[in-house]
N, C-alpha and C. Protein backbone atom coordinates (compact mmCIF):
# COMPACT_ATOMS: atom_id res chain seq x y z
N MET A 1 111.76 -86.16 60.02
CA MET A 1 110.82 -86.10 59.04
C MET A 1 109.23 -85.68 59.76
N HIS A 2 108.32 -84.78 59.32
CA HIS A 2 107.22 -84.80 60.07
C HIS A 2 106.22 -85.89 59.36
N GLY A 3 105.74 -86.43 60.48
CA GLY A 3 104.89 -87.55 60.43
C GLY A 3 103.48 -86.87 60.44
N ASN A 4 102.07 -88.08 60.93
CA ASN A 4 101.43 -87.49 61.18
C ASN A 4 100.47 -87.35 62.12
N ARG A 5 101.79 -87.87 63.28
CA ARG A 5 100.90 -87.21 64.44
C ARG A 5 102.32 -85.98 65.45
N ASP A 6 103.23 -85.91 64.58
CA ASP A 6 104.19 -85.08 65.43
C ASP A 6 104.62 -83.62 64.15
N PHE A 7 103.46 -83.30 63.80
CA PHE A 7 103.90 -82.03 62.40
C PHE A 7 103.96 -80.71 63.49
N LEU A 8 103.85 -80.85 64.30
CA LEU A 8 103.85 -79.41 65.35
C LEU A 8 105.31 -79.30 65.53
N ILE A 9 105.90 -80.14 65.82
CA ILE A 9 107.54 -80.43 66.22
C ILE A 9 108.15 -79.50 65.33
N GLY A 10 109.10 -78.60 65.83
CA GLY A 10 109.59 -77.24 65.08
C GLY A 10 111.34 -77.13 65.23
N GLU A 11 111.85 -76.20 64.76
CA GLU A 11 113.00 -76.05 65.34
C GLU A 11 113.49 -75.93 66.68
N ARG A 12 113.03 -75.16 67.39
CA ARG A 12 113.24 -75.42 68.36
C ARG A 12 113.87 -77.04 68.95
N PHE A 13 112.66 -78.02 69.30
CA PHE A 13 112.68 -79.23 69.10
C PHE A 13 114.03 -79.93 68.97
N ALA A 14 114.19 -79.41 67.45
CA ALA A 14 115.42 -79.95 66.83
C ALA A 14 116.85 -79.71 67.57
N VAL A 15 117.06 -78.37 67.83
CA VAL A 15 118.13 -77.53 68.27
C VAL A 15 118.15 -78.59 69.62
N GLU A 16 117.51 -78.50 70.44
CA GLU A 16 117.32 -79.02 71.56
C GLU A 16 117.55 -80.63 72.01
N THR A 17 117.54 -80.85 70.71
CA THR A 17 117.55 -82.59 70.49
C THR A 17 118.70 -82.79 69.83
N GLY A 18 119.18 -81.92 69.23
CA GLY A 18 120.45 -82.47 68.25
C GLY A 18 120.09 -83.32 67.35
N LEU A 19 118.90 -82.70 66.26
CA LEU A 19 118.39 -83.25 65.59
C LEU A 19 118.05 -82.63 64.40
N ILE A 20 118.07 -83.13 62.74
CA ILE A 20 117.74 -82.02 61.73
C ILE A 20 116.36 -83.00 61.29
N ILE A 21 115.32 -81.95 61.23
CA ILE A 21 114.38 -82.31 60.41
C ILE A 21 114.02 -82.06 59.52
N LEU A 22 114.39 -83.43 58.86
CA LEU A 22 114.17 -83.25 57.41
C LEU A 22 112.95 -82.82 56.24
N PRO A 23 113.17 -82.43 55.03
CA PRO A 23 111.55 -81.55 54.60
C PRO A 23 111.24 -83.19 53.90
N ASP A 24 110.02 -83.18 53.47
CA ASP A 24 109.07 -84.15 52.68
C ASP A 24 108.72 -84.26 51.79
N PRO A 25 108.87 -84.65 50.56
CA PRO A 25 110.22 -85.37 50.46
C PRO A 25 111.76 -85.13 50.57
N THR A 26 112.68 -85.99 50.69
CA THR A 26 114.17 -85.74 50.97
C THR A 26 115.15 -86.75 50.16
N LEU A 27 115.86 -86.05 49.25
CA LEU A 27 116.55 -86.73 48.15
C LEU A 27 118.04 -86.63 48.65
N ILE A 28 118.19 -88.55 48.73
CA ILE A 28 119.54 -88.39 49.21
C ILE A 28 120.49 -88.91 48.11
N THR A 29 121.87 -89.04 48.27
CA THR A 29 122.67 -89.83 48.05
C THR A 29 123.15 -90.57 48.38
N VAL A 30 123.40 -92.19 48.59
CA VAL A 30 124.44 -93.23 49.76
C VAL A 30 125.33 -93.95 48.47
N GLY A 31 126.52 -93.89 48.51
CA GLY A 31 127.57 -94.31 47.30
C GLY A 31 126.88 -93.69 46.10
N ASP A 32 126.55 -94.64 45.17
CA ASP A 32 125.89 -94.66 43.65
C ASP A 32 124.66 -94.81 43.67
N GLN A 33 123.26 -95.09 45.02
CA GLN A 33 122.11 -94.97 44.61
C GLN A 33 121.80 -93.34 45.35
N ARG A 34 120.61 -93.39 44.54
CA ARG A 34 119.71 -91.95 45.00
C ARG A 34 118.52 -92.49 45.94
N LEU A 35 118.51 -91.96 46.86
CA LEU A 35 117.09 -92.63 47.87
C LEU A 35 116.47 -91.76 48.48
N LEU A 36 115.05 -91.70 48.29
CA LEU A 36 113.94 -90.79 48.24
C LEU A 36 113.22 -90.98 49.37
N LEU A 37 113.50 -90.24 50.53
CA LEU A 37 112.90 -90.57 51.52
C LEU A 37 111.76 -89.85 51.69
N LEU A 38 110.78 -90.95 52.04
CA LEU A 38 109.26 -89.81 52.49
C LEU A 38 108.73 -90.40 53.65
N HIS A 39 107.82 -89.92 54.35
CA HIS A 39 106.82 -89.91 55.18
C HIS A 39 106.11 -91.17 54.87
N GLY A 40 105.83 -90.84 53.75
CA GLY A 40 104.53 -91.80 53.11
C GLY A 40 103.21 -91.32 53.02
N ASP A 41 102.49 -90.72 53.31
CA ASP A 41 101.30 -90.24 53.60
C ASP A 41 100.69 -89.69 52.53
N THR A 42 101.81 -88.75 52.05
CA THR A 42 101.47 -88.29 50.73
C THR A 42 101.07 -89.24 49.16
N LEU A 43 101.90 -90.39 49.57
CA LEU A 43 101.30 -91.79 48.26
C LEU A 43 99.74 -91.88 48.75
N CYS A 44 99.12 -91.91 50.07
CA CYS A 44 98.04 -92.65 50.02
C CYS A 44 96.88 -91.81 49.47
N THR A 45 96.82 -91.28 48.20
CA THR A 45 96.29 -89.89 47.70
C THR A 45 94.86 -90.30 47.47
N ASP A 46 94.19 -91.58 47.55
CA ASP A 46 93.12 -92.06 47.66
C ASP A 46 92.45 -91.99 48.70
N ASP A 47 92.99 -91.76 49.70
CA ASP A 47 92.61 -91.03 51.26
C ASP A 47 92.07 -89.92 51.22
N VAL A 48 91.21 -89.25 50.68
CA VAL A 48 90.69 -87.81 50.75
C VAL A 48 90.87 -87.14 51.61
N ALA A 49 89.74 -87.64 52.79
CA ALA A 49 89.75 -87.13 53.85
C ALA A 49 91.44 -86.74 54.67
N TYR A 50 91.97 -87.95 54.72
CA TYR A 50 93.04 -87.88 55.36
C TYR A 50 94.27 -86.64 54.86
N GLN A 51 94.25 -86.56 53.30
CA GLN A 51 94.81 -85.33 52.52
C GLN A 51 94.34 -84.13 52.83
N GLN A 52 93.18 -84.45 52.60
CA GLN A 52 92.60 -83.24 53.63
C GLN A 52 92.85 -82.22 55.10
N PHE A 53 93.13 -83.22 55.80
CA PHE A 53 93.45 -83.02 56.94
C PHE A 53 95.28 -82.70 57.40
N ARG A 54 95.94 -83.64 56.34
CA ARG A 54 97.00 -83.58 55.89
C ARG A 54 97.41 -81.82 55.47
N ARG A 55 96.52 -80.92 54.52
CA ARG A 55 96.76 -79.76 54.09
C ARG A 55 96.96 -78.81 55.13
N GLN A 56 95.79 -79.02 55.87
CA GLN A 56 95.63 -78.41 56.69
C GLN A 56 96.49 -78.45 58.01
N ALA A 57 96.92 -79.52 58.27
CA ALA A 57 97.80 -79.84 59.47
C ALA A 57 99.18 -79.36 59.44
N ARG A 58 99.54 -79.06 57.69
CA ARG A 58 100.64 -78.04 57.70
C ARG A 58 100.50 -77.06 57.30
N ASP A 59 99.55 -76.55 57.34
CA ASP A 59 99.11 -74.70 57.12
C ASP A 59 99.68 -73.69 58.42
N PRO A 60 100.54 -73.45 58.12
CA PRO A 60 101.78 -72.52 59.17
C PRO A 60 100.79 -71.67 59.92
N GLN A 61 99.52 -70.99 59.30
CA GLN A 61 98.47 -70.72 60.13
C GLN A 61 97.62 -71.37 61.09
N TRP A 62 97.41 -72.25 60.71
CA TRP A 62 96.56 -73.32 61.30
C TRP A 62 97.59 -73.62 62.83
N GLN A 63 98.74 -73.92 63.01
CA GLN A 63 99.52 -74.57 63.21
C GLN A 63 100.08 -73.42 64.49
N LYS A 64 100.11 -72.34 64.13
CA LYS A 64 100.03 -70.96 64.81
C LYS A 64 98.80 -71.01 65.90
N ALA A 65 97.75 -71.14 65.28
CA ALA A 65 96.50 -71.15 66.14
C ALA A 65 96.91 -72.18 67.46
N VAL A 66 97.23 -73.59 66.72
CA VAL A 66 96.76 -74.23 67.63
C VAL A 66 98.39 -74.45 68.88
N LEU A 67 99.07 -73.84 68.01
CA LEU A 67 100.05 -73.59 69.40
C LEU A 67 100.06 -71.99 69.99
N ALA A 68 99.28 -71.50 69.70
CA ALA A 68 98.57 -70.42 70.69
C ALA A 68 98.01 -70.92 71.98
N ARG A 69 97.32 -71.95 71.81
CA ARG A 69 96.32 -72.17 72.93
C ARG A 69 97.00 -72.98 73.90
N PRO A 70 96.88 -72.52 75.30
CA PRO A 70 97.16 -72.99 76.60
C PRO A 70 97.50 -74.48 76.32
N TYR A 71 98.62 -75.13 77.35
CA TYR A 71 99.36 -76.30 76.71
C TYR A 71 98.14 -77.59 77.42
N PRO A 72 96.98 -77.26 78.33
CA PRO A 72 96.32 -78.32 78.76
C PRO A 72 95.26 -78.62 77.71
N ASP A 73 94.73 -77.26 77.03
CA ASP A 73 94.25 -77.43 75.86
C ASP A 73 94.76 -78.30 74.52
N ARG A 74 96.10 -77.66 74.29
CA ARG A 74 96.56 -79.08 73.40
C ARG A 74 96.74 -80.21 73.39
N VAL A 75 96.86 -80.93 74.82
CA VAL A 75 97.25 -81.77 75.11
C VAL A 75 95.44 -82.41 74.87
N GLN A 76 94.68 -81.48 74.92
CA GLN A 76 93.34 -82.55 75.38
C GLN A 76 92.95 -82.58 73.51
N PHE A 77 93.43 -81.05 72.60
CA PHE A 77 92.99 -80.91 71.49
C PHE A 77 93.65 -82.45 70.79
N ALA A 78 94.98 -82.77 71.03
CA ALA A 78 95.75 -84.01 70.70
C ALA A 78 95.37 -84.97 70.39
N GLN A 79 94.30 -85.08 71.80
CA GLN A 79 93.45 -86.42 72.37
C GLN A 79 92.99 -86.75 71.06
N SER A 80 91.87 -85.59 71.41
CA SER A 80 90.43 -85.62 70.32
C SER A 80 91.01 -85.80 69.05
N LEU A 81 91.96 -85.47 68.23
CA LEU A 81 92.25 -85.50 67.02
C LEU A 81 92.79 -87.16 66.42
N ARG A 82 93.29 -87.62 68.03
CA ARG A 82 93.80 -89.08 67.78
C ARG A 82 92.76 -90.46 68.09
N MET A 83 91.51 -89.83 68.81
CA MET A 83 90.53 -90.30 69.20
C MET A 83 89.62 -90.72 67.40
N GLN A 84 89.85 -89.23 67.20
CA GLN A 84 89.15 -89.12 65.62
C GLN A 84 89.39 -90.27 64.83
N SER A 85 90.77 -89.75 64.63
CA SER A 85 91.36 -90.56 63.39
C SER A 85 91.72 -92.18 63.29
N ASP A 86 91.31 -92.61 65.14
CA ASP A 86 91.13 -94.08 65.38
C ASP A 86 89.84 -94.70 64.53
N ALA A 87 89.31 -93.85 65.12
CA ALA A 87 87.60 -93.58 64.46
C ALA A 87 87.63 -94.08 63.32
N GLU A 88 87.99 -93.10 62.56
CA GLU A 88 87.63 -93.07 60.84
C GLU A 88 88.73 -94.07 60.24
N LYS A 89 89.82 -94.40 61.07
CA LYS A 89 90.30 -95.14 60.03
C LYS A 89 89.81 -97.05 60.50
N SER A 90 88.79 -96.72 61.55
CA SER A 90 88.43 -98.62 61.30
C SER A 90 86.82 -98.52 60.60
N GLY A 91 86.81 -97.56 59.88
CA GLY A 91 85.68 -97.25 58.78
C GLY A 91 86.11 -97.58 57.29
N LYS A 92 87.02 -97.38 57.57
CA LYS A 92 87.82 -96.96 55.80
C LYS A 92 88.48 -98.47 55.58
N ALA A 93 87.94 -99.10 53.91
CA ALA A 93 88.81 -99.15 53.75
C ALA A 93 90.02 -99.76 53.11
N GLU A 94 90.93 -100.77 53.97
CA GLU A 94 92.49 -100.96 53.39
C GLU A 94 93.06 -100.39 52.37
N ASP A 95 92.42 -100.86 51.17
CA ASP A 95 93.21 -100.23 49.78
C ASP A 95 93.01 -98.69 50.14
N ILE A 96 92.22 -98.24 50.47
CA ILE A 96 91.85 -95.95 51.05
C ILE A 96 93.38 -96.09 51.70
N MET A 97 93.48 -96.56 52.99
CA MET A 97 94.93 -96.41 53.43
C MET A 97 96.04 -96.57 53.39
N ASP A 98 96.11 -97.46 52.02
CA ASP A 98 97.61 -97.64 51.58
C ASP A 98 97.74 -96.85 50.05
N VAL A 99 99.17 -97.14 50.06
CA VAL A 99 99.61 -96.08 48.98
C VAL A 99 98.61 -96.39 47.51
N SER A 100 98.55 -95.33 46.74
CA SER A 100 97.81 -95.26 45.52
C SER A 100 99.16 -95.99 44.44
N PRO A 101 98.70 -97.19 43.85
CA PRO A 101 100.03 -97.06 42.46
C PRO A 101 100.20 -96.10 41.90
N ALA A 102 99.12 -95.36 41.26
CA ALA A 102 99.56 -94.32 40.05
C ALA A 102 100.44 -93.59 40.97
N THR A 103 99.85 -92.77 42.00
CA THR A 103 101.17 -91.78 43.07
C THR A 103 102.32 -92.31 43.06
N VAL A 104 102.48 -93.80 43.54
CA VAL A 104 103.66 -93.86 43.52
C VAL A 104 104.87 -94.13 41.84
N GLU A 105 103.88 -94.21 41.04
CA GLU A 105 104.63 -94.39 39.78
C GLU A 105 104.80 -92.90 39.34
N ALA A 106 104.11 -91.75 39.68
CA ALA A 106 104.17 -90.41 39.26
C ALA A 106 105.22 -90.02 40.44
N VAL A 107 105.79 -90.65 41.46
CA VAL A 107 106.71 -89.76 42.42
C VAL A 107 107.93 -90.78 42.08
N PHE A 108 107.97 -91.71 41.57
CA PHE A 108 109.24 -92.19 40.94
C PHE A 108 109.76 -91.67 39.50
N ARG A 109 108.70 -91.01 38.92
CA ARG A 109 109.14 -90.20 37.53
C ARG A 109 109.91 -89.15 37.99
N GLU A 110 109.08 -88.44 38.87
CA GLU A 110 109.36 -86.91 39.11
C GLU A 110 110.64 -86.75 39.78
N TYR A 111 110.74 -87.96 40.42
CA TYR A 111 112.80 -87.91 41.54
C TYR A 111 113.50 -88.52 40.19
N GLU A 112 113.27 -89.03 39.03
CA GLU A 112 113.93 -89.63 38.28
C GLU A 112 114.47 -91.02 38.62
N TYR A 113 113.52 -91.98 38.88
CA TYR A 113 113.61 -93.00 39.38
C TYR A 113 114.45 -93.66 40.36
N PRO A 114 114.70 -92.92 41.91
CA PRO A 114 115.24 -93.43 42.94
C PRO A 114 114.75 -94.49 43.23
N THR A 115 115.49 -95.14 44.44
CA THR A 115 114.99 -96.09 45.45
C THR A 115 113.99 -95.43 46.41
N MET A 116 112.43 -95.51 47.11
CA MET A 116 111.96 -95.10 47.86
C MET A 116 112.19 -95.51 48.94
N ILE A 117 111.85 -95.00 49.78
CA ILE A 117 111.58 -95.65 51.14
C ILE A 117 110.81 -94.48 51.82
N HIS A 118 109.84 -95.04 52.63
CA HIS A 118 108.93 -94.54 53.18
C HIS A 118 108.18 -95.25 54.79
N GLY A 119 107.29 -94.81 55.52
CA GLY A 119 106.75 -95.29 56.51
C GLY A 119 105.40 -95.24 56.17
N HIS A 120 104.42 -94.40 57.31
CA HIS A 120 103.00 -94.50 57.59
C HIS A 120 102.35 -95.81 57.20
N THR A 121 101.92 -96.51 56.34
CA THR A 121 101.40 -97.36 56.23
C THR A 121 101.51 -98.56 57.03
N HIS A 122 102.87 -98.68 57.43
CA HIS A 122 103.68 -99.60 58.10
C HIS A 122 103.45 -100.75 57.74
N ARG A 123 103.51 -101.18 56.81
CA ARG A 123 103.11 -102.78 55.82
C ARG A 123 104.61 -103.23 55.84
N PRO A 124 105.26 -103.16 56.62
CA PRO A 124 107.09 -103.72 56.29
C PRO A 124 107.19 -104.71 55.19
N ALA A 125 107.96 -104.00 54.00
CA ALA A 125 108.17 -105.23 52.53
C ALA A 125 108.94 -104.64 51.89
N ARG A 126 109.42 -105.38 51.31
CA ARG A 126 109.93 -104.19 49.98
C ARG A 126 109.49 -104.74 48.54
N HIS A 127 109.09 -103.68 47.90
CA HIS A 127 108.30 -103.62 46.87
C HIS A 127 109.45 -103.63 45.48
N GLU A 128 108.50 -104.31 44.58
CA GLU A 128 109.64 -104.32 43.04
C GLU A 128 108.32 -103.52 42.26
N HIS A 129 108.99 -102.23 41.71
CA HIS A 129 108.11 -101.42 40.86
C HIS A 129 108.54 -101.67 39.22
N ILE A 130 107.57 -101.70 38.22
CA ILE A 130 108.28 -101.62 36.87
C ILE A 130 107.36 -100.38 36.34
N VAL A 131 108.41 -99.10 36.78
CA VAL A 131 107.86 -97.71 35.65
C VAL A 131 108.52 -97.53 34.64
N ASP A 132 107.93 -97.35 33.34
CA ASP A 132 108.22 -96.90 32.21
C ASP A 132 109.27 -97.77 31.83
N GLY A 133 109.29 -99.19 31.73
CA GLY A 133 110.48 -99.93 31.60
C GLY A 133 111.32 -100.32 32.35
N ARG A 134 111.08 -99.60 33.96
CA ARG A 134 112.34 -99.31 34.77
C ARG A 134 112.33 -100.06 36.01
N LYS A 135 113.10 -101.02 36.18
CA LYS A 135 112.74 -102.02 37.53
C LYS A 135 112.78 -100.70 38.51
N ARG A 136 112.04 -100.61 39.50
CA ARG A 136 112.34 -99.61 40.94
C ARG A 136 111.88 -100.28 42.13
N VAL A 137 112.83 -99.89 43.41
CA VAL A 137 112.30 -100.56 45.02
C VAL A 137 111.65 -99.26 45.40
N ARG A 138 110.93 -100.06 45.96
CA ARG A 138 110.51 -98.93 47.22
C ARG A 138 110.33 -100.18 48.61
N TRP A 139 111.00 -99.32 49.49
CA TRP A 139 111.00 -100.02 50.70
C TRP A 139 109.52 -99.08 51.90
N VAL A 140 109.02 -100.22 52.54
CA VAL A 140 107.99 -99.69 53.22
C VAL A 140 108.73 -100.20 55.07
N LEU A 141 108.69 -98.98 56.06
CA LEU A 141 109.21 -99.95 57.55
C LEU A 141 108.40 -99.38 58.29
N GLN A 142 108.28 -100.40 58.96
CA GLN A 142 107.41 -100.81 60.49
C GLN A 142 107.37 -99.61 60.85
N ASP A 143 106.14 -99.49 61.83
CA ASP A 143 106.30 -98.32 63.07
C ASP A 143 106.95 -99.17 64.10
N TRP A 144 107.01 -97.92 65.15
CA TRP A 144 107.97 -98.59 66.10
C TRP A 144 106.97 -99.05 67.45
N HIS A 145 106.65 -100.12 68.37
CA HIS A 145 105.68 -99.77 69.36
C HIS A 145 106.97 -100.84 70.35
N LEU A 146 106.35 -101.89 70.45
CA LEU A 146 107.46 -102.76 71.33
C LEU A 146 108.40 -103.07 70.54
N THR A 147 108.59 -102.92 69.28
CA THR A 147 109.47 -103.76 68.46
C THR A 147 109.64 -102.75 67.63
N GLY A 148 110.94 -102.79 66.50
CA GLY A 148 111.02 -101.81 65.22
C GLY A 148 111.85 -102.68 64.70
N SER A 149 112.15 -101.63 63.68
CA SER A 149 113.51 -102.10 62.17
C SER A 149 113.48 -100.56 61.75
N CYS A 150 115.27 -100.79 60.78
CA CYS A 150 115.52 -99.92 60.35
C CYS A 150 116.09 -100.70 59.29
N LEU A 151 116.22 -99.36 58.09
CA LEU A 151 116.67 -100.10 56.79
C LEU A 151 118.36 -99.86 56.97
N THR A 152 119.47 -100.99 56.79
CA THR A 152 120.48 -100.39 56.26
C THR A 152 120.84 -100.57 54.69
N ILE A 153 121.63 -99.36 55.04
CA ILE A 153 121.93 -99.13 53.43
C ILE A 153 123.99 -99.28 53.07
N ALA A 154 124.05 -100.71 52.98
CA ALA A 154 125.85 -100.49 52.11
C ALA A 154 126.21 -100.50 50.40
N THR A 155 126.81 -100.45 50.14
CA THR A 155 127.25 -100.33 48.34
C THR A 155 125.97 -101.15 48.00
N ASN A 156 125.39 -100.50 47.36
CA ASN A 156 124.13 -101.05 46.73
C ASN A 156 123.64 -102.12 47.17
N THR A 157 123.75 -102.55 48.50
CA THR A 157 122.60 -103.40 48.42
C THR A 157 121.60 -102.95 50.07
N ALA A 158 120.79 -103.08 50.22
CA ALA A 158 119.58 -102.95 51.57
C ALA A 158 119.03 -103.74 52.53
N SER A 159 119.13 -103.41 53.22
CA SER A 159 118.74 -104.80 54.31
C SER A 159 117.81 -104.19 55.91
N THR A 160 117.20 -104.85 56.00
CA THR A 160 115.97 -104.44 56.99
C THR A 160 116.75 -105.09 58.19
N VAL A 161 116.46 -104.66 59.46
CA VAL A 161 117.06 -105.22 60.61
C VAL A 161 116.20 -104.63 61.57
N HIS A 162 115.29 -106.32 62.36
CA HIS A 162 114.47 -105.88 63.26
C HIS A 162 115.41 -105.99 64.68
N PHE A 163 114.91 -105.30 65.55
CA PHE A 163 115.24 -105.10 67.23
C PHE A 163 114.13 -104.97 68.11
N GLY A 164 114.31 -105.49 69.62
CA GLY A 164 113.78 -105.62 70.06
C GLY A 164 112.37 -107.05 70.42
N ASP A 165 112.83 -107.73 69.41
CA ASP A 165 112.20 -108.95 69.28
C ASP A 165 112.34 -109.96 70.74
């Protein structure tokens, strides 16, 4: 699933690496659990500037124009985007960069109350929500640097496994 820094990865990469790029969001069923997989950035609707960038970065014409540039130009462009992103994040309030509770509730409703799994905010936790009188669970996955984690799902149970510690 594309994230906020790898949105230009395409089918050629997927074929060459044996991966499947999932649409964001993707609804799957494991056993009798309905799981909604999201990158998570679409839940951060209070970060208006990021949402504008997200729309631009996923526009096929914009992507085509970026990919048409010579490789060294693309590398420099990516580095400048990362520096700009880091600078903008340092000036934003923490709550703006987290999920919007109203958006989370709306997504639970839209997909008929599945369990939600996402990253992007990288504040790993298991959150319980009451939406329309229903108890719902939202899992937030951590980012990967020197350590990481994954969520394992077995018959109606989920747990986080940490590695690299």
